[in-house]
Amino acid sequence: MAWFEGFEKQTLSVQGLPVTFRRSANWQSAKPVLVLLHGFPQTHVMWHRVAQRLSGQYRIVMPDLRGYGDSSHEVGDAEHAHYSKRAMAQEVVSLLDALGVQDFFLCGHDRGGRVAHRLALDHASRVKKLCVIDIAPTFDMYARTDMAFAQAYYHWFHLIQPAPLPEFMIGGNAKAYLHAKLGGWGSQGLSYIEPEALAEYERAFCNPALNDKGWSAAIHSAAEDYRASAGIDLQHDREGRERGDSIACDTLVLWGERGVVNRMFKPLELWQAQCAGQVSGQAVPAGHFIPEELPEATSDALAKWMV
């Protein structure tokens, strides 16, 4: 099948900022809506093979998250609130409002899973079922950080350093950094990535465009995502746990057997502690980038769960 055949790429102004996304061309059908959120350092194109397999069952929406791909790359504020998962989740919901979608199935991988987690908490009535892929809750991962985790997920602690240190360091050879990230975390190289997808990741992450601070706009906004997670997002999570907030909908958890999450955490137990609904999950024979490494298994799991 041709690259994203049966899907339309669009950009809409959402809350005054551009959001780029692909959606099913059969948008006027009565099929349920499935929203797919990508991770770092990727864009929505990571879902290509999964989306093609599921296109007959759902109307699919795949945005470039705020700070990624062809969506906005605003300079972060002092509190990093612009890139909080709350703000990013609200932007996804506002996009769906603009598309006339009330309720939907939701799946997020990596950073997209963290946005999906916050979205399911803040907009519980909108999410019919949730799937998070190869993450444990951010609050728990930071709380349990030790030397082994800091070494394995060094990018978490590098990207949260004050601007523009990570921006300049990564910008010195953005393509090498990108390839190292995509080839790591148990993924065993880049062979699992479609050539068209890799070209898109390179185009987006290595974009020479500078923001008004003179920093790489793409690298800065990605770093702001992580800075928010280590600050304001933890504040939101802590406040929610003190209130006893939990995810209301049924939740599916998938994680890679070769990944860091499997080695260092107990993802199913951690998500069960954060959910009021049914929680199911399993490890799959992959590294971190499960939707691209195992598109058939991923789409089959979603099709079975998202009913």
Protein backbone atom coordinates (compact mmCIF):
# COMPACT_ATOMS: atom_id res chain seq x y z
CA MET A 1 0.00 0.00 0.00
CA ALA A 2 1.27 3.48 -0.86
CA TRP A 3 2.59 5.75 1.90
CA PHE A 4 -0.45 6.81 3.98
CA GLU A 5 -2.89 5.89 1.23
CA GLY A 6 -6.39 6.56 2.53
CA PHE A 7 -5.28 9.36 4.87
CA GLU A 8 -5.27 13.14 4.54
CA LYS A 9 -2.61 15.45 5.98
CA GLN A 10 -3.85 18.78 7.28
CA THR A 11 -2.86 21.70 9.50
CA LEU A 12 -5.40 23.54 11.63
CA SER A 13 -5.03 26.55 13.90
CA VAL A 14 -5.88 25.30 17.40
CA GLN A 15 -5.89 27.85 20.20
CA GLY A 16 -3.95 30.13 17.88
CA LEU A 17 -1.18 27.63 17.10
CA PRO A 18 -0.72 25.27 14.13
CA VAL A 19 -1.38 21.57 14.70
CA THR A 20 -0.46 19.22 11.86
CA PHE A 21 -2.14 15.83 11.71
CA ARG A 22 -3.27 13.03 9.47
CA ARG A 23 -6.77 11.61 9.58
CA SER A 24 -8.70 8.95 7.74
CA ALA A 25 -10.05 10.07 4.40
CA ASN A 26 -13.37 8.33 5.19
CA TRP A 27 -14.09 10.90 7.87
CA GLN A 28 -17.84 11.01 7.32
CA SER A 29 -18.28 7.33 8.15
CA ALA A 30 -19.87 6.13 11.38
CA LYS A 31 -16.75 4.27 12.51
CA PRO A 32 -15.39 5.02 16.00
CA VAL A 33 -12.46 7.40 16.31
CA LEU A 34 -9.01 6.19 17.38
CA VAL A 35 -6.41 8.81 18.33
CA LEU A 36 -2.74 7.78 18.09
CA LEU A 37 -0.07 9.88 19.84
CA HIS A 38 3.62 9.51 18.96
CA GLY A 39 6.75 9.71 21.09
CA PHE A 40 10.26 11.21 21.04
CA PRO A 41 12.12 11.74 18.77
CA GLN A 42 9.45 10.97 16.22
CA THR A 43 6.32 12.36 14.60
CA HIS A 44 2.90 10.95 13.78
CA VAL A 45 4.37 8.94 10.88
CA MET A 46 5.56 6.28 13.36
CA TRP A 47 1.97 4.96 13.22
CA HIS A 48 1.96 4.38 9.44
CA ARG A 49 1.86 0.59 9.40
CA VAL A 50 -0.47 0.36 12.39
CA ALA A 51 -2.83 2.92 10.89
CA GLN A 52 -2.96 1.13 7.54
CA ARG A 53 -3.90 -2.11 9.27
CA LEU A 54 -6.63 -0.44 11.36
CA SER A 55 -8.02 1.90 8.72
CA GLY A 56 -11.00 -0.34 7.97
CA GLN A 57 -12.12 -0.42 11.60
CA TYR A 58 -11.70 3.18 12.81
CA ARG A 59 -11.55 6.79 11.79
CA ILE A 60 -7.97 7.51 12.81
CA VAL A 61 -6.44 10.82 13.92
CA MET A 62 -2.65 11.14 14.27
CA PRO A 63 -1.38 14.58 15.31
CA ASP A 64 2.15 15.85 15.57
CA LEU A 65 2.25 16.73 19.25
CA ARG A 66 3.04 20.28 20.30
CA GLY A 67 6.77 20.78 19.82
CA TYR A 68 7.20 17.98 17.27
CA GLY A 69 7.02 17.51 13.52
CA ASP A 70 5.15 20.27 11.71
CA SER A 71 3.14 21.46 14.71
CA SER A 72 4.15 24.57 16.70
CA HIS A 73 7.61 25.07 18.23
CA GLU A 74 7.09 28.03 20.54
CA VAL A 75 9.81 29.11 22.98
CA GLY A 76 9.10 27.63 26.40
CA ASP A 77 8.12 29.76 29.38
CA ALA A 78 9.92 29.90 32.72
CA GLU A 79 7.69 27.22 34.27
CA HIS A 80 7.69 25.08 31.10
CA ALA A 81 3.89 25.14 31.36
CA HIS A 82 3.46 25.57 27.62
CA TYR A 83 4.82 22.04 27.18
CA SER A 84 3.13 20.50 30.21
CA LYS A 85 1.26 17.31 29.46
CA ARG A 86 -1.88 19.13 30.60
CA ALA A 87 -1.39 21.79 27.92
CA MET A 88 -0.46 19.23 25.28
CA ALA A 89 -3.48 17.08 26.15
CA GLN A 90 -5.75 20.12 25.96
CA GLU A 91 -4.41 20.87 22.48
CA VAL A 92 -5.27 17.33 21.35
CA VAL A 93 -8.78 17.66 22.79
CA SER A 94 -9.23 21.06 21.13
CA LEU A 95 -8.16 19.55 17.80
CA LEU A 96 -10.78 16.82 18.23
CA ASP A 97 -13.37 19.47 19.09
CA ALA A 98 -12.52 21.20 15.81
CA LEU A 99 -13.01 17.88 14.02
CA GLY A 100 -16.39 17.34 15.66
CA VAL A 101 -15.28 14.37 17.78
CA GLN A 102 -16.86 13.90 21.18
CA ASP A 103 -15.52 10.58 22.48
CA PHE A 104 -12.71 8.41 21.19
CA PHE A 105 -10.31 5.56 21.80
CA LEU A 106 -6.82 6.76 22.72
CA CYS A 107 -3.36 5.23 22.39
CA GLY A 108 0.01 6.81 23.12
CA HIS A 109 3.58 5.58 22.80
CA ASP A 110 6.45 7.05 24.83
CA ARG A 111 5.86 10.83 25.25
CA GLY A 112 2.49 10.38 23.58
CA GLY A 113 1.62 7.90 26.32
CA ARG A 114 2.34 10.54 28.93
CA VAL A 115 0.10 13.02 27.11
CA ALA A 116 -2.55 10.30 26.85
CA HIS A 117 -2.27 9.61 30.60
CA ARG A 118 -2.91 13.25 31.43
CA LEU A 119 -5.69 13.51 28.83
CA ALA A 120 -7.47 10.50 30.35
CA LEU A 121 -7.31 12.16 33.77
CA ASP A 122 -8.30 15.68 32.73
CA HIS A 123 -10.93 14.71 30.13
CA ALA A 124 -12.23 11.42 31.49
CA SER A 125 -15.63 11.65 29.79
CA ARG A 126 -14.01 11.85 26.35
CA VAL A 127 -11.85 8.70 26.49
CA LYS A 128 -13.62 5.40 25.85
CA LYS A 129 -10.55 3.20 26.36
CA LEU A 130 -6.85 3.88 26.74
CA CYS A 131 -3.62 2.16 25.69
CA VAL A 132 -0.14 3.21 26.81
CA ILE A 133 2.93 1.70 25.18
CA ASP A 134 6.31 1.14 26.85
CA ILE A 135 6.00 3.60 29.70
CA ALA A 136 5.38 3.51 33.41
CA PRO A 137 3.81 6.57 35.10
CA THR A 138 6.22 9.51 35.02
CA PHE A 139 5.89 10.17 38.75
CA ASP A 140 6.90 6.62 39.61
CA MET A 141 9.80 6.53 37.18
CA TYR A 142 11.32 9.68 38.65
CA ALA A 143 10.61 8.56 42.21
CA ARG A 144 12.46 5.29 41.64
CA THR A 145 15.44 6.73 39.78
CA ASP A 146 18.77 5.14 40.61
CA MET A 147 22.15 4.98 38.90
CA ALA A 148 21.08 2.19 36.54
CA PHE A 149 18.00 4.09 35.36
CA ALA A 150 19.92 7.37 35.01
CA GLN A 151 22.44 5.60 32.79
CA ALA A 152 19.80 3.86 30.69
CA TYR A 153 17.58 6.96 30.31
CA TYR A 154 20.35 9.55 30.37
CA HIS A 155 18.42 11.67 27.87
CA TRP A 156 15.80 12.42 30.55
CA PHE A 157 18.45 14.11 32.67
CA HIS A 158 20.32 15.72 29.81
CA LEU A 159 17.28 17.29 28.15
CA ILE A 160 16.02 18.86 31.39
CA GLN A 161 19.18 20.95 31.80
CA PRO A 162 18.60 24.70 31.39
CA ALA A 163 18.42 26.08 27.86
CA PRO A 164 20.38 26.33 25.70
CA LEU A 165 22.88 23.68 26.86
CA PRO A 166 21.06 20.60 25.43
CA GLU A 167 19.98 22.60 22.39
CA PHE A 168 23.57 23.49 21.50
CA MET A 169 25.05 20.09 22.37
CA ILE A 170 22.51 18.12 20.34
CA GLY A 171 22.46 20.70 17.57
CA GLY A 172 26.15 20.05 16.93
CA ASN A 173 25.17 16.78 15.21
CA ALA A 174 21.41 16.38 15.43
CA LYS A 175 21.29 13.51 12.92
CA ALA A 176 23.78 11.41 14.89
CA TYR A 177 21.82 12.04 18.08
CA LEU A 178 18.54 11.13 16.38
CA HIS A 179 19.91 7.88 15.01
CA ALA A 180 21.39 6.95 18.39
CA LYS A 181 18.01 7.45 20.05
CA LEU A 182 16.07 5.55 17.39
CA GLY A 183 18.58 2.70 17.44
CA GLY A 184 18.69 2.37 21.22
CA TRP A 185 16.47 1.19 24.07
CA GLY A 186 16.54 -2.40 22.88
CA SER A 187 15.52 -1.66 19.30
CA GLN A 188 18.75 -3.14 17.88
CA GLY A 189 19.41 -0.65 15.10
CA LEU A 190 17.30 1.23 12.57
CA SER A 191 16.17 -1.62 10.33
CA TYR A 192 12.64 -1.59 11.83
CA ILE A 193 11.96 1.93 10.54
CA GLU A 194 10.45 2.49 7.12
CA PRO A 195 12.74 4.64 4.93
CA GLU A 196 9.97 7.22 4.46
CA ALA A 197 9.53 7.47 8.23
CA LEU A 198 13.25 7.84 8.92
CA ALA A 199 13.45 10.61 6.32
CA GLU A 200 10.57 12.39 8.08
CA TYR A 201 12.24 12.09 11.48
CA GLU A 202 15.45 13.52 10.05
CA ARG A 203 13.61 16.35 8.33
CA ALA A 204 11.72 17.29 11.47
CA PHE A 205 14.37 16.83 14.17
CA CYS A 206 17.27 18.21 12.13
CA ASN A 207 15.28 21.18 10.84
CA PRO A 208 17.68 24.17 10.70
CA ALA A 209 14.94 26.67 11.62
CA LEU A 210 15.82 28.78 14.67
CA ASN A 211 13.45 30.28 17.19
CA ASP A 212 13.71 33.93 18.26
CA LYS A 213 16.34 32.97 20.83
CA GLY A 214 18.60 31.71 18.09
CA TRP A 215 18.25 28.07 19.18
CA SER A 216 17.08 25.12 17.12
CA ALA A 217 13.30 25.34 17.34
CA ALA A 218 12.81 21.58 17.02
CA ILE A 219 15.41 20.59 19.61
CA HIS A 220 14.33 23.31 22.04
CA SER A 221 10.68 22.28 21.98
CA ALA A 222 11.56 18.62 22.49
CA ALA A 223 13.75 19.57 25.45
CA GLU A 224 10.89 21.65 26.85
CA ASP A 225 8.69 18.55 26.78
CA TYR A 226 11.18 16.85 29.11
CA ARG A 227 11.73 19.93 31.27
CA ALA A 228 7.99 20.08 31.84
CA SER A 229 7.91 16.40 32.81
CA ALA A 230 10.57 16.96 35.48
CA GLY A 231 8.78 19.98 36.94
CA ILE A 232 5.24 21.11 36.36
CA ASP A 233 4.04 17.66 35.28
CA LEU A 234 5.31 16.15 38.52
CA GLN A 235 3.47 18.89 40.39
CA HIS A 236 0.24 18.03 38.57
CA ASP A 237 0.78 14.32 39.22
CA ARG A 238 1.53 14.87 42.91
CA GLU A 239 -1.58 17.00 43.37
CA GLY A 240 -3.67 14.40 41.57
CA ARG A 241 -2.40 11.56 43.70
CA GLU A 242 -3.09 13.54 46.86
CA ARG A 243 -6.69 13.97 45.65
CA GLY A 244 -6.92 10.30 44.73
CA ASP A 245 -7.39 10.92 40.99
CA SER A 246 -7.36 7.82 38.80
CA ILE A 247 -7.91 6.89 35.18
CA ALA A 248 -11.59 6.02 34.82
CA CYS A 249 -11.54 4.01 31.60
CA ASP A 250 -10.24 0.51 30.94
CA THR A 251 -6.54 0.60 30.09
CA LEU A 252 -4.23 -1.63 28.06
CA VAL A 253 -0.49 -1.60 28.80
CA LEU A 254 2.11 -2.93 26.34
CA TRP A 255 5.84 -2.91 26.95
CA GLY A 256 8.92 -4.32 25.24
CA GLU A 257 10.76 -7.34 26.60
CA ARG A 258 14.11 -5.79 25.62
CA GLY A 259 13.28 -2.30 26.90
CA VAL A 260 14.28 -0.38 30.01
CA VAL A 261 10.71 -0.28 31.36
CA ASN A 262 10.62 -4.08 31.48
CA ARG A 263 14.04 -4.36 33.14
CA MET A 264 13.59 -1.73 35.82
CA PHE A 265 9.88 -1.36 36.59
CA LYS A 266 6.69 -3.37 36.96
CA PRO A 267 4.53 -1.47 34.49
CA LEU A 268 1.34 -3.46 34.90
CA GLU A 269 1.33 -3.06 38.68
CA LEU A 270 2.16 0.63 38.48
CA TRP A 271 -0.66 1.31 36.01
CA GLN A 272 -3.13 -0.77 38.00
CA ALA A 273 -2.43 1.51 40.95
CA GLN A 274 -3.40 4.54 38.82
CA CYS A 275 -6.57 3.18 37.21
CA ALA A 276 -10.11 2.71 38.41
CA GLY A 277 -11.07 0.62 35.39
CA GLN A 278 -9.84 -2.74 34.18
CA VAL A 279 -6.12 -2.88 33.41
CA SER A 280 -4.66 -5.55 31.15
CA GLY A 281 -1.23 -5.82 29.61
CA GLN A 282 1.74 -7.83 28.52
CA ALA A 283 5.36 -7.67 27.47
CA VAL A 284 5.95 -8.18 23.76
CA PRO A 285 9.14 -9.34 21.96
CA ALA A 286 10.47 -5.90 21.08
CA GLY A 287 12.54 -3.00 22.32
CA HIS A 288 11.08 0.43 22.98
CA PHE A 289 9.62 1.30 19.57
CA ILE A 290 6.91 -1.35 19.59
CA PRO A 291 4.46 0.09 17.01
CA GLU A 292 7.18 0.14 14.37
CA GLU A 293 8.97 -3.03 15.42
CA LEU A 294 5.75 -5.05 15.76
CA PRO A 295 3.03 -3.27 13.75
CA GLU A 296 0.95 -6.42 13.30
CA ALA A 297 0.98 -7.32 17.00
CA THR A 298 0.31 -3.70 17.96
CA SER A 299 -2.63 -3.28 15.62
CA ASP A 300 -4.07 -6.66 16.60
CA ALA A 301 -3.87 -5.73 20.29
CA LEU A 302 -5.55 -2.38 19.67
CA ALA A 303 -8.29 -3.88 17.51
CA LYS A 304 -9.08 -6.41 20.21
CA TRP A 305 -9.03 -3.84 23.03
CA MET A 306 -10.62 -0.79 21.41
CA VAL A 307 -14.19 -2.09 21.11
